Amino acid sequence: MAASGKIIHESHSALGRAARLGHSTPAGAIVDLRKLLAERFPHPPFSAITRLITGLSFLDQAIGGGLPKGAITELTTLQISAGSASLIQALLQAANRDHFFLALIDGRDSFDPQPLGNALLRNLFWVRCTTALQTIKAADLLLRDGNFPLVIVDLVLNPPEDLKIPQTTWYRLQRLVESAPIACLILTRRSMVSSAQLKIVLENSWTLETFQKEDAISRLKIHVQRSHLHQLGDE
């Protein structure tokens, strides 16, 4: 099913207050911001990181067993044909196989559902956006809702001028993710989510020949760029 990004509206007075913290020193501003976010979005922190096992061996093995819940994972695709669209399709197939719902927030309305068939689409909640602002608003709404085990935010095709997203916005989304057993995967062209606890890179440059090979999805190469998950126990 699809939802229009244009109908999603959310007021963030706390974010406006955070923007006025510029009079503080850089270190002081960060402390003030964290305090503000803790007051605005109180939640009991998870005692341990659990994983959403995707069943995609090339992904699960690379990142320690699955996508971490209660955390943001940023996946950067440096090449134009790195395989991010194929990864989304593979994750949707995993959602259908394991009977959970996947929310896809499509930053440039670029997702093509036609090759998948109606059976797979029953497990998809698709929010079609055209700008990064719409995409962030939709992410905020769905992460607050907390009913989707996996929320994918696809910003790969959004132009650079559309991606001037304040770091305070990413920290707000991080706070929302931490309050629920949700795996949040943000797809970007370049690294930009400073609050992501896990940063991975899709290191591929696919051609038409690659797609013609059997089980092409298993050829995706993922490199862990940064992980802050080792400080917590995994289950």
C-alpha atoms as a PDB file:
ATOM      1  CA  MET A   1       0.000   0.000   0.000  1.00  0.00           C
ATOM      2  CA  ALA A   2       1.171   3.544  -0.596  1.00  0.00           C
ATOM      3  CA  ALA A   3       0.771   6.797   1.270  1.00  0.00           C
ATOM      4  CA  SER A   4       1.493  10.277  -0.003  1.00  0.00           C
ATOM      5  CA  GLY A   5       4.288  12.137   1.738  1.00  0.00           C
ATOM      6  CA  LYS A   6       2.345  15.364   1.226  1.00  0.00           C
ATOM      7  CA  ILE A   7      -0.290  14.504   3.826  1.00  0.00           C
ATOM      8  CA  ILE A   8       2.154  13.948   6.685  1.00  0.00           C
ATOM      9  CA  HIS A   9       2.632  16.942   8.973  1.00  0.00           C
ATOM     10  CA  GLU A  10       4.350  17.113  12.345  1.00  0.00           C
ATOM     11  CA  SER A  11       5.198  20.039  14.619  1.00  0.00           C
ATOM     12  CA  HIS A  12       8.639  20.055  16.234  1.00  0.00           C
ATOM     13  CA  SER A  13       8.760  22.965  18.679  1.00  0.00           C
ATOM     14  CA  ALA A  14      11.614  21.253  20.495  1.00  0.00           C
ATOM     15  CA  LEU A  15      13.704  21.358  17.337  1.00  0.00           C
ATOM     16  CA  GLY A  16      13.101  25.081  17.076  1.00  0.00           C
ATOM     17  CA  ARG A  17      14.264  25.529  20.649  1.00  0.00           C
ATOM     18  CA  ALA A  18      17.364  23.472  19.903  1.00  0.00           C
ATOM     19  CA  ALA A  19      18.226  25.773  17.003  1.00  0.00           C
ATOM     20  CA  ARG A  20      18.469  28.669  19.454  1.00  0.00           C
ATOM     21  CA  LEU A  21      21.253  27.065  21.482  1.00  0.00           C
ATOM     22  CA  GLY A  22      23.932  28.741  19.378  1.00  0.00           C
ATOM     23  CA  HIS A  23      24.966  31.072  22.207  1.00  0.00           C
ATOM     24  CA  SER A  24      26.481  28.105  24.079  1.00  0.00           C
ATOM     25  CA  THR A  25      29.970  26.771  23.532  1.00  0.00           C
ATOM     26  CA  PRO A  26      30.100  23.784  21.092  1.00  0.00           C
ATOM     27  CA  ALA A  27      30.489  21.296  23.953  1.00  0.00           C
ATOM     28  CA  GLY A  28      27.863  23.087  26.006  1.00  0.00           C
ATOM     29  CA  ALA A  29      25.446  23.138  23.075  1.00  0.00           C
ATOM     30  CA  ILE A  30      25.710  19.361  22.714  1.00  0.00           C
ATOM     31  CA  VAL A  31      25.023  18.857  26.416  1.00  0.00           C
ATOM     32  CA  ASP A  32      22.068  21.243  26.235  1.00  0.00           C
ATOM     33  CA  LEU A  33      20.741  19.489  23.154  1.00  0.00           C
ATOM     34  CA  ARG A  34      20.961  16.043  24.742  1.00  0.00           C
ATOM     35  CA  LYS A  35      19.154  17.338  27.826  1.00  0.00           C
ATOM     36  CA  LEU A  36      16.467  18.924  25.651  1.00  0.00           C
ATOM     37  CA  LEU A  37      15.932  15.729  23.675  1.00  0.00           C
ATOM     38  CA  ALA A  38      15.780  13.651  26.865  1.00  0.00           C
ATOM     39  CA  GLU A  39      13.066  15.966  28.232  1.00  0.00           C
ATOM     40  CA  ARG A  40      11.127  16.100  24.983  1.00  0.00           C
ATOM     41  CA  PHE A  41      11.351  12.356  24.187  1.00  0.00           C
ATOM     42  CA  PRO A  42      11.688  10.473  27.505  1.00  0.00           C
ATOM     43  CA  HIS A  43      12.034   6.705  27.252  1.00  0.00           C
ATOM     44  CA  PRO A  44      13.523   3.753  29.107  1.00  0.00           C
ATOM     45  CA  PRO A  45      16.696   2.719  27.224  1.00  0.00           C
ATOM     46  CA  PHE A  46      17.139  -0.848  26.025  1.00  0.00           C
ATOM     47  CA  SER A  47      19.527  -2.873  28.147  1.00  0.00           C
ATOM     48  CA  ALA A  48      20.787  -4.779  25.121  1.00  0.00           C
ATOM     49  CA  ILE A  49      20.757  -4.641  21.345  1.00  0.00           C
ATOM     50  CA  THR A  50      18.563  -7.235  19.678  1.00  0.00           C
ATOM     51  CA  ARG A  51      18.676  -8.049  15.988  1.00  0.00           C
ATOM     52  CA  LEU A  52      16.224  -8.300  13.142  1.00  0.00           C
ATOM     53  CA  ILE A  53      17.515 -11.349  11.293  1.00  0.00           C
ATOM     54  CA  THR A  54      16.942 -10.763   7.583  1.00  0.00           C
ATOM     55  CA  GLY A  55      17.991 -14.197   6.352  1.00  0.00           C
ATOM     56  CA  LEU A  56      20.266 -12.482   3.807  1.00  0.00           C
ATOM     57  CA  SER A  57      23.590 -14.095   4.630  1.00  0.00           C
ATOM     58  CA  PHE A  58      25.731 -11.441   2.935  1.00  0.00           C
ATOM     59  CA  LEU A  59      24.079  -8.800   5.137  1.00  0.00           C
ATOM     60  CA  ASP A  60      23.567 -10.630   8.445  1.00  0.00           C
ATOM     61  CA  GLN A  61      27.110 -12.008   8.530  1.00  0.00           C
ATOM     62  CA  ALA A  62      28.688  -8.639   7.696  1.00  0.00           C
ATOM     63  CA  ILE A  63      26.908  -6.741  10.493  1.00  0.00           C
ATOM     64  CA  GLY A  64      26.934  -9.302  13.279  1.00  0.00           C
ATOM     65  CA  GLY A  65      23.719 -11.248  12.912  1.00  0.00           C
ATOM     66  CA  GLY A  66      21.105  -8.851  11.563  1.00  0.00           C
ATOM     67  CA  LEU A  67      19.926  -5.254  11.601  1.00  0.00           C
ATOM     68  CA  PRO A  68      20.110  -3.834  15.144  1.00  0.00           C
ATOM     69  CA  LYS A  69      16.810  -2.907  16.737  1.00  0.00           C
ATOM     70  CA  GLY A  70      16.576   0.286  18.737  1.00  0.00           C
ATOM     71  CA  ALA A  71      19.292   1.807  16.541  1.00  0.00           C
ATOM     72  CA  ILE A  72      19.809   3.609  13.264  1.00  0.00           C
ATOM     73  CA  THR A  73      21.853   1.879  10.576  1.00  0.00           C
ATOM     74  CA  GLU A  74      23.110   4.078   7.760  1.00  0.00           C
ATOM     75  CA  LEU A  75      23.932   2.316   4.509  1.00  0.00           C
ATOM     76  CA  THR A  76      25.896   4.440   2.056  1.00  0.00           C
ATOM     77  CA  THR A  77      25.949   3.623  -1.647  1.00  0.00           C
ATOM     78  CA  LEU A  78      28.908   5.412  -3.218  1.00  0.00           C
ATOM     79  CA  GLN A  79      28.277   4.134  -6.750  1.00  0.00           C
ATOM     80  CA  ILE A  80      25.221   4.870  -8.884  1.00  0.00           C
ATOM     81  CA  SER A  81      24.560   1.162  -9.513  1.00  0.00           C
ATOM     82  CA  ALA A  82      25.543  -0.235  -6.132  1.00  0.00           C
ATOM     83  CA  GLY A  83      22.489  -2.457  -5.689  1.00  0.00           C
ATOM     84  CA  SER A  84      20.444  -0.551  -3.095  1.00  0.00           C
ATOM     85  CA  ALA A  85      17.185  -1.098  -5.012  1.00  0.00           C
ATOM     86  CA  SER A  86      17.912  -4.841  -5.162  1.00  0.00           C
ATOM     87  CA  LEU A  87      18.603  -4.817  -1.422  1.00  0.00           C
ATOM     88  CA  ILE A  88      15.222  -3.204  -0.733  1.00  0.00           C
ATOM     89  CA  GLN A  89      13.520  -5.881  -2.816  1.00  0.00           C
ATOM     90  CA  ALA A  90      15.431  -8.624  -0.972  1.00  0.00           C
ATOM     91  CA  LEU A  91      14.400  -7.184   2.406  1.00  0.00           C
ATOM     92  CA  LEU A  92      10.789  -7.072   1.257  1.00  0.00           C
ATOM     93  CA  GLN A  93      11.032 -10.739   0.294  1.00  0.00           C
ATOM     94  CA  ALA A  94      12.414 -11.449   3.772  1.00  0.00           C
ATOM     95  CA  ALA A  95       9.477  -9.568   5.323  1.00  0.00           C
ATOM     96  CA  ASN A  96       7.050 -11.680   3.310  1.00  0.00           C
ATOM     97  CA  ARG A  97       8.837 -14.907   4.260  1.00  0.00           C
ATOM     98  CA  ASP A  98       9.029 -14.105   7.974  1.00  0.00           C
ATOM     99  CA  HIS A  99       5.603 -12.449   8.182  1.00  0.00           C
ATOM    100  CA  PHE A 100       6.465  -8.938   9.326  1.00  0.00           C
ATOM    101  CA  PHE A 101       5.615  -5.548   7.874  1.00  0.00           C
ATOM    102  CA  LEU A 102       8.224  -3.314   6.295  1.00  0.00           C
ATOM    103  CA  ALA A 103       7.775   0.437   5.945  1.00  0.00           C
ATOM    104  CA  LEU A 104       9.559   2.031   2.987  1.00  0.00           C
ATOM    105  CA  ILE A 105       9.803   5.817   2.978  1.00  0.00           C
ATOM    106  CA  ASP A 106      10.696   6.541  -0.630  1.00  0.00           C
ATOM    107  CA  GLY A 107      12.528   9.876  -0.793  1.00  0.00           C
ATOM    108  CA  ARG A 108      12.187  10.394  -4.570  1.00  0.00           C
ATOM    109  CA  ASP A 109       9.209   8.199  -5.396  1.00  0.00           C
ATOM    110  CA  SER A 110      11.592   5.874  -7.246  1.00  0.00           C
ATOM    111  CA  PHE A 111      10.588   2.441  -5.941  1.00  0.00           C
ATOM    112  CA  ASP A 112       9.221   0.143  -8.649  1.00  0.00           C
ATOM    113  CA  PRO A 113       6.809  -2.438  -7.173  1.00  0.00           C
ATOM    114  CA  GLN A 114       5.829  -3.972 -10.526  1.00  0.00           C
ATOM    115  CA  PRO A 115       8.422  -6.813 -10.638  1.00  0.00           C
ATOM    116  CA  LEU A 116       7.539  -8.029  -7.137  1.00  0.00           C
ATOM    117  CA  GLY A 117       3.912  -9.050  -7.528  1.00  0.00           C
ATOM    118  CA  ASN A 118       0.945  -8.506  -5.216  1.00  0.00           C
ATOM    119  CA  ALA A 119       1.894 -11.291  -2.792  1.00  0.00           C
ATOM    120  CA  LEU A 120       5.070  -9.498  -1.651  1.00  0.00           C
ATOM    121  CA  LEU A 121       3.424  -6.088  -1.595  1.00  0.00           C
ATOM    122  CA  ARG A 122       0.992  -7.203   1.126  1.00  0.00           C
ATOM    123  CA  ASN A 123       3.862  -6.811   3.613  1.00  0.00           C
ATOM    124  CA  LEU A 124       4.824  -3.324   2.426  1.00  0.00           C
ATOM    125  CA  PHE A 125       3.737   0.085   3.690  1.00  0.00           C
ATOM    126  CA  TRP A 126       5.032   2.494   1.045  1.00  0.00           C
ATOM    127  CA  VAL A 127       5.231   6.234   1.680  1.00  0.00           C
ATOM    128  CA  ARG A 128       5.907   8.061  -1.582  1.00  0.00           C
ATOM    129  CA  CYS A 129       7.767  11.331  -1.109  1.00  0.00           C
ATOM    130  CA  THR A 130       9.479  13.783  -3.456  1.00  0.00           C
ATOM    131  CA  THR A 131      11.637  15.803  -1.051  1.00  0.00           C
ATOM    132  CA  ALA A 132      13.879  15.090   1.912  1.00  0.00           C
ATOM    133  CA  LEU A 133      11.634  17.229   4.135  1.00  0.00           C
ATOM    134  CA  GLN A 134       8.615  15.052   3.373  1.00  0.00           C
ATOM    135  CA  THR A 135      10.753  11.961   3.940  1.00  0.00           C
ATOM    136  CA  ILE A 136      11.953  13.080   7.370  1.00  0.00           C
ATOM    137  CA  LYS A 137       8.418  13.992   8.443  1.00  0.00           C
ATOM    138  CA  ALA A 138       7.206  10.555   7.391  1.00  0.00           C
ATOM    139  CA  ALA A 139      10.075   8.855   9.242  1.00  0.00           C
ATOM    140  CA  ASP A 140       9.265  10.824  12.375  1.00  0.00           C
ATOM    141  CA  LEU A 141       5.623   9.735  12.208  1.00  0.00           C
ATOM    142  CA  LEU A 142       6.294   6.038  11.581  1.00  0.00           C
ATOM    143  CA  LEU A 143       9.027   5.768  14.212  1.00  0.00           C
ATOM    144  CA  ARG A 144       6.669   7.304  16.765  1.00  0.00           C
ATOM    145  CA  ASP A 145       3.994   4.805  15.717  1.00  0.00           C
ATOM    146  CA  GLY A 146       6.346   1.912  16.523  1.00  0.00           C
ATOM    147  CA  ASN A 147       4.351  -0.764  14.692  1.00  0.00           C
ATOM    148  CA  PHE A 148       6.855  -1.599  11.946  1.00  0.00           C
ATOM    149  CA  PRO A 149       9.774  -3.912  12.841  1.00  0.00           C
ATOM    150  CA  LEU A 150      11.763  -2.447   9.938  1.00  0.00           C
ATOM    151  CA  VAL A 151      11.613   1.131   8.653  1.00  0.00           C
ATOM    152  CA  ILE A 152      13.681   1.923   5.542  1.00  0.00           C
ATOM    153  CA  VAL A 153      14.369   5.560   4.646  1.00  0.00           C
ATOM    154  CA  ASP A 154      15.627   5.818   1.058  1.00  0.00           C
ATOM    155  CA  LEU A 155      17.449   9.086   0.283  1.00  0.00           C
ATOM    156  CA  VAL A 156      19.820   7.674  -2.347  1.00  0.00           C
ATOM    157  CA  LEU A 157      18.323   9.597  -5.286  1.00  0.00           C
ATOM    158  CA  ASN A 158      17.606  12.883  -3.519  1.00  0.00           C
ATOM    159  CA  PRO A 159      19.847  15.656  -4.922  1.00  0.00           C
ATOM    160  CA  PRO A 160      22.530  17.164  -2.645  1.00  0.00           C
ATOM    161  CA  GLU A 161      20.734  20.510  -2.426  1.00  0.00           C
ATOM    162  CA  ASP A 162      17.710  18.686  -0.999  1.00  0.00           C
ATOM    163  CA  LEU A 163      19.715  16.960   1.725  1.00  0.00           C
ATOM    164  CA  LYS A 164      20.605  19.886   3.975  1.00  0.00           C
ATOM    165  CA  ILE A 165      19.234  18.091   7.005  1.00  0.00           C
ATOM    166  CA  PRO A 166      20.310  19.428  10.435  1.00  0.00           C
ATOM    167  CA  GLN A 167      22.150  16.959  12.645  1.00  0.00           C
ATOM    168  CA  THR A 168      19.604  17.739  15.359  1.00  0.00           C
ATOM    169  CA  THR A 169      17.011  16.062  13.147  1.00  0.00           C
ATOM    170  CA  TRP A 170      19.013  12.826  12.987  1.00  0.00           C
ATOM    171  CA  TYR A 171      19.476  12.845  16.774  1.00  0.00           C
ATOM    172  CA  ARG A 172      15.739  13.291  17.232  1.00  0.00           C
ATOM    173  CA  LEU A 173      15.065  10.272  15.025  1.00  0.00           C
ATOM    174  CA  GLN A 174      17.673   8.308  16.968  1.00  0.00           C
ATOM    175  CA  ARG A 175      15.816   9.030  20.200  1.00  0.00           C
ATOM    176  CA  LEU A 176      12.592   7.777  18.641  1.00  0.00           C
ATOM    177  CA  VAL A 177      14.244   4.571  17.410  1.00  0.00           C
ATOM    178  CA  GLU A 178      15.780   3.880  20.818  1.00  0.00           C
ATOM    179  CA  SER A 179      12.354   3.878  22.440  1.00  0.00           C
ATOM    180  CA  ALA A 180      10.994   0.934  20.417  1.00  0.00           C
ATOM    181  CA  PRO A 181      12.168  -2.435  19.064  1.00  0.00           C
ATOM    182  CA  ILE A 182      12.538  -1.051  15.545  1.00  0.00           C
ATOM    183  CA  ALA A 183      15.350  -1.533  13.059  1.00  0.00           C
ATOM    184  CA  CYS A 184      15.787   1.702  11.099  1.00  0.00           C
ATOM    185  CA  LEU A 185      17.828   1.532   7.880  1.00  0.00           C
ATOM    186  CA  ILE A 186      18.671   4.838   6.186  1.00  0.00           C
ATOM    187  CA  LEU A 187      20.027   4.651   2.638  1.00  0.00           C
ATOM    188  CA  THR A 188      22.181   7.578   1.518  1.00  0.00           C
ATOM    189  CA  ARG A 189      24.573   8.448  -1.302  1.00  0.00           C
ATOM    190  CA  ARG A 190      27.150   9.849   1.120  1.00  0.00           C
ATOM    191  CA  SER A 191      27.601   9.491   4.863  1.00  0.00           C
ATOM    192  CA  MET A 192      25.432  12.090   6.585  1.00  0.00           C
ATOM    193  CA  VAL A 193      23.704  10.534   9.620  1.00  0.00           C
ATOM    194  CA  SER A 194      26.055  11.364  12.491  1.00  0.00           C
ATOM    195  CA  SER A 195      23.822   9.665  15.085  1.00  0.00           C
ATOM    196  CA  ALA A 196      23.832   6.284  13.308  1.00  0.00           C
ATOM    197  CA  GLN A 197      25.127   3.587  15.648  1.00  0.00           C
ATOM    198  CA  LEU A 198      26.047   1.400  12.700  1.00  0.00           C
ATOM    199  CA  LYS A 199      27.459   2.753   9.429  1.00  0.00           C
ATOM    200  CA  ILE A 200      27.915   0.379   6.513  1.00  0.00           C
ATOM    201  CA  VAL A 201      28.893   0.843   2.875  1.00  0.00           C
ATOM    202  CA  LEU A 202      27.539  -0.992  -0.155  1.00  0.00           C
ATOM    203  CA  GLU A 203      30.660  -1.583  -2.235  1.00  0.00           C
ATOM    204  CA  ASN A 204      29.386  -2.579  -5.660  1.00  0.00           C
ATOM    205  CA  SER A 205      29.176  -1.283  -9.189  1.00  0.00           C
ATOM    206  CA  TRP A 206      26.622  -3.456 -10.917  1.00  0.00           C
ATOM    207  CA  THR A 207      26.148  -3.891 -14.644  1.00  0.00           C
ATOM    208  CA  LEU A 208      23.434  -5.565 -16.703  1.00  0.00           C
ATOM    209  CA  GLU A 209      25.628  -8.676 -16.778  1.00  0.00           C
ATOM    210  CA  THR A 210      25.576  -8.821 -12.973  1.00  0.00           C
ATOM    211  CA  PHE A 211      21.774  -8.925 -12.889  1.00  0.00           C
ATOM    212  CA  GLN A 212      21.743 -11.787 -15.362  1.00  0.00           C
ATOM    213  CA  LYS A 213      23.772 -14.026 -13.044  1.00  0.00           C
ATOM    214  CA  GLU A 214      21.997 -16.537 -10.857  1.00  0.00           C
ATOM    215  CA  ASP A 215      21.339 -15.324  -7.298  1.00  0.00           C
ATOM    216  CA  ALA A 216      22.846 -11.907  -8.092  1.00  0.00           C
ATOM    217  CA  ILE A 217      21.709 -10.469  -4.748  1.00  0.00           C
ATOM    218  CA  SER A 218      24.170 -12.704  -2.882  1.00  0.00           C
ATOM    219  CA  ARG A 219      27.003 -10.893  -4.677  1.00  0.00           C
ATOM    220  CA  LEU A 220      26.377  -7.655  -2.812  1.00  0.00           C
ATOM    221  CA  LYS A 221      29.425  -6.592  -0.814  1.00  0.00           C
ATOM    222  CA  ILE A 222      28.944  -4.765   2.467  1.00  0.00           C
ATOM    223  CA  HIS A 223      31.711  -3.110   4.479  1.00  0.00           C
ATOM    224  CA  VAL A 224      31.254  -1.982   8.098  1.00  0.00           C
ATOM    225  CA  GLN A 225      32.559   1.560   8.333  1.00  0.00           C
ATOM    226  CA  ARG A 226      31.698   2.235  11.979  1.00  0.00           C
ATOM    227  CA  SER A 227      29.894   0.438  14.777  1.00  0.00           C
ATOM    228  CA  HIS A 228      28.992   1.649  18.245  1.00  0.00           C
ATOM    229  CA  LEU A 229      27.110  -1.541  19.024  1.00  0.00           C
ATOM    230  CA  HIS A 230      30.015  -3.498  20.532  1.00  0.00           C
ATOM    231  CA  GLN A 231      29.574  -1.697  23.832  1.00  0.00           C
ATOM    232  CA  LEU A 232      26.205  -3.407  24.316  1.00  0.00           C
ATOM    233  CA  GLY A 233      25.318  -7.079  24.461  1.00  0.00           C
ATOM    234  CA  ASP A 234      23.772  -8.738  21.415  1.00  0.00           C
ATOM    235  CA  GLU A 235      20.986 -11.299  21.515  1.00  0.00           C
END
